[in-house]
């Protein structure tokens, strides 16, 4: 019997994974690693562009989140 924790883990994993895949640059701008306090250079509103390599890394993390959510769902509901 599946519990609320497993269901919440699957739903949050899918939502977080999809958000990282769909909008990786936004996720990086909101993150602690690349946020506005780390890249404070230049005038207001003149943030540097986020490299494509970082965007692909974030997409890979999103795919990993989807894989973990799928694994939890498979083990819980199969």
N, C-alpha and C. Protein backbone atom coordinates (compact mmCIF):
# COMPACT_ATOMS: atom_id res chain seq x y z
N UNK A 1 0.85 -1.18 0.00
CA UNK A 1 0.00 0.00 0.00
C UNK A 1 0.89 1.24 0.00
N UNK A 2 0.64 2.09 -0.93
CA UNK A 2 1.46 3.29 -1.03
C UNK A 2 0.97 4.35 -0.06
N UNK A 3 1.93 5.07 0.45
CA UNK A 3 1.61 6.11 1.40
C UNK A 3 1.69 7.49 0.77
N UNK A 4 1.40 8.45 1.59
CA UNK A 4 1.41 9.83 1.13
C UNK A 4 2.84 10.29 0.80
N UNK A 5 3.81 9.79 1.54
CA UNK A 5 5.20 10.18 1.29
C UNK A 5 5.68 9.77 -0.10
N UNK A 6 5.36 8.55 -0.48
CA UNK A 6 5.78 8.07 -1.79
C UNK A 6 5.10 8.85 -2.91
N UNK A 7 3.82 9.11 -2.74
CA UNK A 7 3.09 9.88 -3.74
C UNK A 7 3.65 11.29 -3.85
N UNK A 8 3.94 11.92 -2.73
CA UNK A 8 4.51 13.26 -2.74
C UNK A 8 5.90 13.27 -3.36
N UNK A 9 6.69 12.25 -3.09
CA UNK A 9 8.03 12.16 -3.68
C UNK A 9 7.96 12.03 -5.19
N UNK A 10 7.03 11.24 -5.67
CA UNK A 10 6.88 11.07 -7.12
C UNK A 10 6.41 12.37 -7.77
N UNK A 11 5.41 13.00 -7.19
CA UNK A 11 4.87 14.24 -7.78
C UNK A 11 5.91 15.35 -7.77
N UNK A 12 6.59 15.53 -6.64
CA UNK A 12 7.61 16.57 -6.57
C UNK A 12 8.80 16.28 -7.48
N UNK A 13 9.19 15.02 -7.57
CA UNK A 13 10.28 14.65 -8.46
C UNK A 13 9.96 14.93 -9.92
N UNK A 14 8.74 14.62 -10.32
CA UNK A 14 8.32 14.88 -11.70
C UNK A 14 8.25 16.38 -11.96
N UNK A 15 7.64 17.12 -11.05
CA UNK A 15 7.52 18.57 -11.25
C UNK A 15 8.89 19.25 -11.28
N UNK A 16 9.76 18.88 -10.36
CA UNK A 16 11.09 19.48 -10.31
C UNK A 16 11.91 19.09 -11.54
N UNK A 17 11.82 17.84 -11.94
CA UNK A 17 12.54 17.38 -13.13
C UNK A 17 12.08 18.09 -14.38
N UNK A 18 10.76 18.22 -14.54
CA UNK A 18 10.24 18.92 -15.72
C UNK A 18 10.62 20.39 -15.72
N UNK A 19 10.60 21.02 -14.54
CA UNK A 19 10.99 22.43 -14.46
C UNK A 19 12.45 22.62 -14.85
N UNK A 20 13.31 21.70 -14.44
CA UNK A 20 14.73 21.80 -14.79
C UNK A 20 14.96 21.55 -16.27
N UNK A 21 14.18 20.69 -16.87
CA UNK A 21 14.34 20.40 -18.29
C UNK A 21 13.79 21.54 -19.14
N UNK A 22 12.64 22.07 -18.76
CA UNK A 22 11.98 23.10 -19.57
C UNK A 22 12.67 24.45 -19.45
N UNK A 23 13.08 24.83 -18.25
CA UNK A 23 13.66 26.17 -18.04
C UNK A 23 14.97 26.08 -17.25
N UNK A 24 16.03 25.55 -17.87
CA UNK A 24 17.28 25.38 -17.12
C UNK A 24 17.96 26.70 -16.79
N UNK A 25 17.88 27.68 -17.66
CA UNK A 25 18.54 28.97 -17.40
C UNK A 25 17.85 29.71 -16.26
N UNK A 26 16.54 29.62 -16.19
CA UNK A 26 15.81 30.24 -15.09
C UNK A 26 16.16 29.56 -13.78
N UNK A 27 16.26 28.24 -13.79
CA UNK A 27 16.63 27.51 -12.58
C UNK A 27 18.03 27.91 -12.13
N UNK A 28 18.94 28.11 -13.06
CA UNK A 28 20.29 28.54 -12.70
C UNK A 28 20.31 29.95 -12.15
N UNK A 29 19.50 30.83 -12.72
CA UNK A 29 19.46 32.20 -12.22
C UNK A 29 18.88 32.27 -10.82
N UNK A 30 17.98 31.36 -10.50
CA UNK A 30 17.39 31.33 -9.17
C UNK A 30 18.23 30.57 -8.16
N UNK A 31 19.22 29.84 -8.62
CA UNK A 31 19.99 28.99 -7.72
C UNK A 31 21.02 29.78 -6.93
N UNK A 32 21.55 29.13 -5.92
CA UNK A 32 22.59 29.72 -5.09
C UNK A 32 23.92 29.76 -5.84
N UNK A 33 24.15 28.80 -6.72
CA UNK A 33 25.44 28.67 -7.38
C UNK A 33 25.70 29.75 -8.41
N UNK A 34 24.65 30.20 -9.10
CA UNK A 34 24.83 31.16 -10.18
C UNK A 34 23.95 32.38 -9.96
N UNK A 35 23.32 32.50 -8.83
CA UNK A 35 22.38 33.58 -8.57
C UNK A 35 23.00 34.96 -8.62
N UNK A 36 22.22 35.99 -8.38
CA UNK A 36 22.69 37.36 -8.52
C UNK A 36 23.80 37.73 -7.55
N UNK A 37 23.88 37.08 -6.41
CA UNK A 37 24.93 37.42 -5.45
C UNK A 37 26.29 36.85 -5.84
N UNK A 38 26.31 35.81 -6.64
CA UNK A 38 27.56 35.22 -7.09
C UNK A 38 28.12 35.92 -8.32
N UNK A 39 27.23 36.44 -9.15
CA UNK A 39 27.67 37.02 -10.42
C UNK A 39 27.45 38.53 -10.43
N UNK A 40 27.74 39.21 -9.40
CA UNK A 40 27.48 40.63 -9.33
C UNK A 40 28.59 41.40 -10.03
N UNK A 41 28.43 41.57 -11.32
CA UNK A 41 29.39 42.31 -12.13
C UNK A 41 28.60 43.23 -13.05
N UNK A 42 29.07 44.43 -13.24
CA UNK A 42 28.44 45.33 -14.19
C UNK A 42 27.29 46.12 -13.59
N UNK A 43 26.56 46.74 -14.44
CA UNK A 43 25.44 47.58 -14.04
C UNK A 43 24.22 46.73 -13.71
N UNK A 44 23.24 47.37 -13.15
CA UNK A 44 22.00 46.69 -12.81
C UNK A 44 21.33 46.17 -14.07
N UNK A 45 21.01 44.90 -14.07
CA UNK A 45 20.34 44.30 -15.22
C UNK A 45 21.26 43.84 -16.32
N UNK A 46 22.55 43.87 -16.10
CA UNK A 46 23.49 43.46 -17.15
C UNK A 46 24.19 42.15 -16.78
N UNK A 47 23.42 41.17 -16.36
CA UNK A 47 23.99 39.87 -16.02
C UNK A 47 24.56 39.21 -17.27
N UNK A 48 25.61 38.47 -17.06
CA UNK A 48 26.22 37.74 -18.17
C UNK A 48 25.34 36.57 -18.57
N UNK A 49 25.47 36.18 -19.81
CA UNK A 49 24.70 35.04 -20.30
C UNK A 49 25.21 33.76 -19.64
N UNK A 50 24.29 32.85 -19.39
CA UNK A 50 24.65 31.56 -18.79
C UNK A 50 25.15 30.64 -19.90
N UNK A 51 26.32 30.03 -19.71
CA UNK A 51 26.87 29.16 -20.75
C UNK A 51 25.96 27.97 -21.06
N UNK A 52 26.02 27.51 -22.30
CA UNK A 52 25.21 26.37 -22.72
C UNK A 52 25.56 25.10 -21.96
N UNK A 53 26.81 24.95 -21.60
CA UNK A 53 27.24 23.74 -20.87
C UNK A 53 26.50 23.63 -19.54
N UNK A 54 26.34 24.74 -18.84
CA UNK A 54 25.64 24.71 -17.55
C UNK A 54 24.17 24.37 -17.75
N UNK A 55 23.58 24.89 -18.81
CA UNK A 55 22.18 24.58 -19.08
C UNK A 55 21.99 23.09 -19.34
N UNK A 56 22.93 22.48 -20.04
CA UNK A 56 22.83 21.03 -20.30
C UNK A 56 23.05 20.22 -19.03
N UNK A 57 23.89 20.71 -18.13
CA UNK A 57 24.09 20.02 -16.85
C UNK A 57 22.79 20.05 -16.04
N UNK A 58 22.12 21.20 -16.05
CA UNK A 58 20.86 21.31 -15.32
C UNK A 58 19.79 20.41 -15.94
N UNK A 59 19.77 20.33 -17.26
CA UNK A 59 18.83 19.41 -17.92
C UNK A 59 19.12 17.96 -17.54
N UNK A 60 20.39 17.61 -17.42
CA UNK A 60 20.75 16.24 -17.00
C UNK A 60 20.29 15.97 -15.58
N UNK A 61 20.39 16.95 -14.71
CA UNK A 61 19.88 16.79 -13.34
C UNK A 61 18.36 16.62 -13.37
N UNK A 62 17.69 17.33 -14.27
CA UNK A 62 16.25 17.16 -14.42
C UNK A 62 15.88 15.77 -14.87
N UNK A 63 16.64 15.22 -15.80
CA UNK A 63 16.40 13.84 -16.24
C UNK A 63 16.64 12.87 -15.10
N UNK A 64 17.65 13.13 -14.29
CA UNK A 64 17.91 12.27 -13.13
C UNK A 64 16.77 12.33 -12.13
N UNK A 65 16.20 13.51 -11.93
CA UNK A 65 15.04 13.64 -11.03
C UNK A 65 13.85 12.84 -11.56
N UNK A 66 13.63 12.90 -12.87
CA UNK A 66 12.54 12.11 -13.46
C UNK A 66 12.80 10.62 -13.31
N UNK A 67 14.06 10.21 -13.45
CA UNK A 67 14.39 8.80 -13.31
C UNK A 67 14.17 8.31 -11.87
N UNK A 68 14.54 9.11 -10.91
CA UNK A 68 14.34 8.73 -9.50
C UNK A 68 12.85 8.67 -9.19
N UNK A 69 12.08 9.63 -9.71
CA UNK A 69 10.63 9.62 -9.49
C UNK A 69 10.00 8.39 -10.13
N UNK A 70 10.47 8.04 -11.32
CA UNK A 70 9.95 6.84 -11.99
C UNK A 70 10.31 5.58 -11.21
N UNK A 71 11.51 5.52 -10.67
CA UNK A 71 11.93 4.36 -9.88
C UNK A 71 11.08 4.23 -8.61
N UNK A 72 10.84 5.34 -7.95
CA UNK A 72 10.00 5.30 -6.74
C UNK A 72 8.58 4.87 -7.10
N UNK A 73 8.07 5.41 -8.19
CA UNK A 73 6.71 5.04 -8.63
C UNK A 73 6.63 3.56 -8.99
N UNK A 74 7.65 3.08 -9.68
CA UNK A 74 7.65 1.66 -10.08
C UNK A 74 7.70 0.74 -8.86
N UNK A 75 8.57 1.07 -7.91
CA UNK A 75 8.70 0.21 -6.75
C UNK A 75 7.49 0.29 -5.84
N UNK A 76 6.82 1.42 -5.84
CA UNK A 76 5.68 1.60 -4.94
C UNK A 76 4.39 1.06 -5.53
N UNK A 77 4.16 1.32 -6.81
CA UNK A 77 2.87 1.01 -7.39
C UNK A 77 2.87 -0.23 -8.27
N UNK A 78 3.98 -0.91 -8.41
CA UNK A 78 4.00 -2.12 -9.26
C UNK A 78 3.69 -3.36 -8.45
